Protein backbone atom coordinates (compact mmCIF):
# COMPACT_ATOMS: atom_id res chain seq x y z
CA MET A 1 21.05 -1.02 -2.09
CA SER A 2 17.95 -1.44 -4.26
CA ASP A 3 15.72 1.55 -4.93
CA TYR A 4 12.98 -0.03 -2.79
CA THR A 5 12.56 -3.24 -0.78
CA LEU A 6 9.64 -5.03 0.85
CA GLY A 7 11.46 -5.98 4.04
CA ILE A 8 10.61 -9.67 3.51
CA LYS A 9 14.05 -11.21 3.04
CA GLU A 10 13.10 -14.16 0.86
CA LEU A 11 11.02 -12.06 -1.54
CA ASP A 12 13.60 -9.27 -1.75
CA GLU A 13 16.33 -11.78 -2.54
CA ALA A 14 14.16 -13.43 -5.20
CA ILE A 15 13.30 -10.19 -7.01
CA GLY A 16 16.53 -8.31 -6.35
CA GLY A 17 14.69 -5.24 -5.07
CA ILE A 18 12.14 -2.94 -6.71
CA ARG A 19 13.18 -0.21 -9.13
CA LYS A 20 12.02 3.34 -8.54
CA GLY A 21 8.85 4.45 -10.29
CA SER A 22 7.14 1.06 -9.80
CA ASN A 23 3.41 0.59 -9.19
CA ILE A 24 2.39 -2.74 -7.67
CA MET A 25 -0.99 -4.37 -7.04
CA LEU A 26 -1.25 -6.31 -3.77
CA ILE A 27 -4.07 -8.78 -4.37
CA GLY A 28 -5.36 -11.55 -2.14
CA PRO A 29 -8.40 -13.03 -0.39
CA PRO A 30 -9.97 -11.71 2.81
CA MET A 31 -8.43 -12.79 6.15
CA SER A 32 -5.03 -13.49 4.58
CA GLY A 33 -3.17 -10.80 6.52
CA LYS A 34 -2.87 -8.22 3.73
CA GLU A 35 -2.99 -5.32 6.22
CA ALA A 36 -0.20 -6.85 8.31
CA ILE A 37 1.90 -7.33 5.16
CA LEU A 38 1.23 -3.74 4.11
CA ASN A 39 2.13 -2.44 7.57
CA HIS A 40 5.33 -4.51 7.49
CA ILE A 41 6.32 -3.05 4.12
CA MET A 42 5.43 0.44 5.38
CA TYR A 43 7.59 0.06 8.48
CA ASN A 44 10.52 -1.31 6.47
CA GLY A 45 10.27 1.60 4.05
CA ALA A 46 10.06 4.25 6.75
CA VAL A 47 12.62 2.89 9.22
CA ASN A 48 15.15 0.79 7.30
CA ASN A 49 15.05 2.64 3.97
CA GLU A 50 14.30 6.08 5.49
CA ASN A 51 11.60 6.83 2.92
CA ALA A 52 8.53 9.00 3.37
CA ILE A 53 5.25 7.08 3.60
CA ILE A 54 1.82 8.23 2.37
CA THR A 55 -1.09 5.92 3.20
CA VAL A 56 -4.68 6.27 1.98
CA THR A 57 -6.90 4.26 4.33
CA THR A 58 -10.49 3.39 3.43
CA ARG A 59 -10.80 0.48 5.87
CA GLU A 60 -9.64 1.72 9.28
CA SER A 61 -9.00 5.10 10.85
CA ALA A 62 -5.61 6.78 10.92
CA VAL A 63 -5.65 6.58 14.72
CA HIS A 64 -6.20 2.82 14.53
CA ILE A 65 -3.26 2.41 12.14
CA LEU A 66 -0.94 4.37 14.44
CA GLU A 67 -2.18 2.38 17.45
CA TRP A 68 -1.27 -0.87 15.65
CA PHE A 69 2.35 0.24 15.44
CA LYS A 70 2.37 1.35 19.10
CA GLU A 71 0.88 -1.97 20.23
CA HIS A 72 3.75 -3.77 18.49
CA ASN A 73 6.36 -1.39 19.93
CA LEU A 74 7.28 -0.10 16.48
CA ASN A 75 8.41 3.51 16.49
CA LEU A 76 7.54 5.23 13.24
CA PRO A 77 9.51 8.33 12.22
CA MET A 78 6.47 10.60 12.30
CA SER A 79 8.18 13.38 10.35
CA ARG A 80 8.02 11.06 7.32
CA ILE A 81 4.49 9.66 7.82
CA GLY A 82 1.33 10.96 6.14
CA ILE A 83 -2.08 9.27 6.44
CA ILE A 84 -5.22 10.20 4.49
CA ASP A 85 -8.16 8.96 6.55
CA CYS A 86 -11.31 8.24 4.50
CA VAL A 87 -13.08 6.47 7.38
CA THR A 88 -13.41 8.70 10.44
CA LYS A 89 -15.71 11.33 8.91
CA THR A 90 -18.09 8.73 7.47
CA LEU A 91 -18.47 7.21 10.95
CA GLY A 92 -19.14 10.58 12.58
CA GLY A 93 -15.89 10.54 14.55
CA ALA A 94 -13.82 13.56 15.56
CA SER A 95 -12.04 14.51 12.34
CA ILE A 96 -8.95 16.31 13.61
CA GLU A 97 -6.18 16.96 11.14
CA ASN A 98 -2.53 17.42 12.09
CA GLU A 99 0.89 17.22 10.47
CA ASN A 100 0.51 13.46 9.92
CA ILE A 101 -3.22 13.03 9.30
CA LYS A 102 -5.49 14.55 6.66
CA ILE A 103 -9.22 13.71 6.63
CA ALA A 104 -11.13 12.93 3.42
CA SER A 105 -14.92 13.08 3.52
CA SER A 106 -15.35 9.47 2.28
CA PRO A 107 -13.87 6.85 -0.08
CA VAL A 108 -16.06 8.27 -2.86
CA ASP A 109 -14.32 11.68 -2.66
CA LEU A 110 -11.55 10.85 -5.12
CA THR A 111 -10.95 14.51 -5.89
CA GLY A 112 -10.43 15.30 -2.21
CA ILE A 113 -8.24 12.22 -1.72
CA GLY A 114 -6.14 13.25 -4.73
CA VAL A 115 -5.66 16.78 -3.39
CA LYS A 116 -4.47 15.45 -0.03
CA ILE A 117 -2.05 12.98 -1.64
CA SER A 118 -0.63 15.90 -3.63
CA GLN A 119 -0.28 17.98 -0.45
CA PHE A 120 1.74 15.24 1.23
CA PHE A 121 3.90 14.80 -1.89
CA GLU A 122 4.67 18.51 -1.86
CA GLU A 123 5.33 18.45 1.88
CA PHE A 124 7.83 15.59 1.65
CA PHE A 125 9.49 16.49 -1.65
CA MET A 126 9.61 20.27 -1.54
CA LYS A 127 9.61 21.20 2.14
CA LYS A 128 11.38 18.24 3.73
CA ASN A 129 13.50 17.26 0.72
CA THR A 130 12.70 13.55 1.14
CA GLN A 131 13.55 12.10 -2.26
CA LYS A 132 12.00 8.63 -1.92
CA ILE A 133 8.29 8.24 -1.24
CA GLN A 134 6.07 5.17 -0.88
CA LEU A 135 2.32 5.55 -1.53
CA TYR A 136 -0.17 2.95 -0.28
CA ILE A 137 -3.89 2.78 -1.07
CA ASN A 138 -5.81 0.33 1.11
CA SER A 139 -7.99 -0.51 -0.54
CA LEU A 140 -9.08 -0.17 -4.15
CA SER A 141 -11.87 -2.63 -3.41
CA THR A 142 -13.53 -0.18 -1.02
CA ILE A 143 -13.18 2.65 -3.55
CA LEU A 144 -14.70 0.43 -6.26
CA MET A 145 -17.76 -0.12 -4.06
CA TYR A 146 -18.50 3.61 -4.36
CA SER A 147 -17.21 4.48 -7.85
CA ASN A 148 -17.31 2.84 -11.25
CA ILE A 149 -14.27 1.26 -12.85
CA GLN A 150 -13.77 4.10 -15.35
CA THR A 151 -13.63 6.73 -12.59
CA VAL A 152 -11.23 4.65 -10.49
CA PHE A 153 -9.05 3.96 -13.54
CA ARG A 154 -8.76 7.69 -14.31
CA PHE A 155 -7.92 8.46 -10.66
CA LEU A 156 -5.24 5.75 -10.56
CA HIS A 157 -3.86 6.76 -13.95
CA VAL A 158 -2.95 10.16 -12.51
CA PHE A 159 -1.17 8.79 -9.45
CA THR A 160 0.56 5.84 -11.07
CA GLY A 161 1.94 8.38 -13.53
CA ARG A 162 3.06 10.62 -10.69
CA ILE A 163 4.76 7.65 -8.98
CA LYS A 164 6.72 6.96 -12.18
CA ALA A 165 7.67 10.60 -12.66
CA ALA A 166 8.77 10.99 -9.03
CA GLY A 167 10.73 7.73 -8.88
CA ALA A 168 8.49 6.68 -6.01
CA LEU A 169 6.83 3.35 -5.15
CA GLY A 170 3.08 2.73 -5.17
CA ILE A 171 1.32 -0.30 -3.66
CA TYR A 172 -2.44 -0.71 -4.12
CA VAL A 173 -4.50 -3.33 -2.27
CA ILE A 174 -7.41 -5.19 -3.84
CA GLU A 175 -9.53 -8.09 -2.58
CA SER A 176 -9.44 -11.08 -4.89
CA GLY A 177 -12.84 -12.60 -5.65
CA MET A 178 -14.72 -9.33 -5.00
CA HIS A 179 -14.61 -7.98 -8.55
CA ASP A 180 -15.21 -9.36 -12.00
CA ASP A 181 -12.18 -10.41 -14.00
CA GLN A 182 -12.59 -7.56 -16.49
CA ALA A 183 -12.38 -4.91 -13.76
CA VAL A 184 -9.20 -6.42 -12.33
CA ALA A 185 -7.71 -6.81 -15.83
CA THR A 186 -8.48 -3.13 -16.54
CA LEU A 187 -6.67 -1.98 -13.40
CA LYS A 188 -3.72 -4.32 -14.03
CA GLN A 189 -2.82 -2.24 -17.09
CA LEU A 190 -1.61 0.49 -14.71
CA PHE A 191 0.75 -1.70 -12.70
CA ASP A 192 4.28 -2.94 -13.23
CA GLY A 193 3.81 -6.07 -11.14
CA MET A 194 1.79 -7.79 -8.46
CA ILE A 195 2.22 -9.17 -4.99
CA GLU A 196 -0.14 -12.14 -5.08
CA ILE A 197 -1.55 -13.90 -2.04
CA LYS A 198 -3.49 -17.16 -2.04
CA SER A 199 -4.99 -19.32 0.69
CA VAL A 200 -4.91 -23.12 0.39
CA GLU A 201 -6.24 -25.37 3.16
CA ASP A 202 -5.88 -22.69 5.84
CA LYS A 203 -2.34 -21.87 4.74
CA ASN A 204 -1.36 -18.57 3.15
CA PHE A 205 1.16 -18.16 0.33
CA ILE A 206 2.76 -15.10 -1.25
CA ARG A 207 4.72 -14.43 -4.42
CA VAL A 208 5.79 -11.49 -6.59
CA VAL A 209 5.02 -11.37 -10.32
CA GLY A 210 6.30 -8.94 -12.95
CA ILE A 211 9.03 -7.20 -10.97
CA SER A 212 11.79 -9.60 -11.96
CA GLN A 213 12.21 -11.66 -15.13
CA LYS A 214 10.11 -14.52 -13.81
CA PRO A 215 7.66 -14.92 -10.91
CA THR A 216 9.11 -15.81 -7.53
CA PRO A 217 8.20 -19.16 -5.97
CA TRP A 218 5.12 -19.27 -3.76
CA PHE A 219 6.31 -18.79 -0.17
CA GLU A 220 4.15 -20.03 2.70
CA TYR A 221 3.96 -17.40 5.44
CA GLU A 222 2.51 -16.76 8.86
CA ILE A 223 1.72 -13.50 10.62
CA ASP A 224 3.63 -13.42 13.90
CA GLY A 225 2.75 -10.17 15.63
CA HIS A 226 4.23 -7.56 13.30
CA ASN A 227 6.54 -10.03 11.55
CA ILE A 228 5.89 -11.88 8.30
CA LYS A 229 7.47 -15.30 8.83
CA ILE A 230 8.30 -17.22 5.68
CA ILE A 231 8.00 -20.95 6.36
CA ARG A 232 9.13 -22.35 3.04
CA GLY A 233 9.00 -21.82 -0.69
CA ASN A 234 7.64 -24.21 -3.30
């Protein structure tokens, strides 16, 4: 079996899996289902591949993420789930931490976010002896609203390096069209490949670039509950 997979059959077959230590940018326009795709990859990693999952959320609360899985009758192995919630405290909600949830003060608190990522890494690697970890940051666009590109680059440089050293997988979400080309090009230096999404005439397409020798075809997809349905490739 490959070191890591996305759980989307057509893409996994096209790229032949993802090697350990890879950092991938997931980039696409608003309203294209990026969160559903990320949740799908997360579920595949946790359940089918039995990896530990660390998610940094700057867009929705940890409780909301867990409710999404419950609503779709998807049982996450909670002993391998860690969520860093950067939303709840900024909205004045009850910021209760537990084994699965750590609360950061806001998306601007990159030092605090980094400490909590490290705590989960130690928890999974050292205490639970889980050797394969997937880190998700959703999203870099929110973080860039609060911090300049140099600060975000330094923050990501640390964790993309840690992903490589640990043989883990990192996926980082960014909104296309929100940032100038130079900012995106700067961040791309840190990544091994991209999952690209585009919308054309109310249809959404996905492909993977940089992971295999050549880009995959563009696959049209639909979000069907918790499933990513590939309609066709072109």
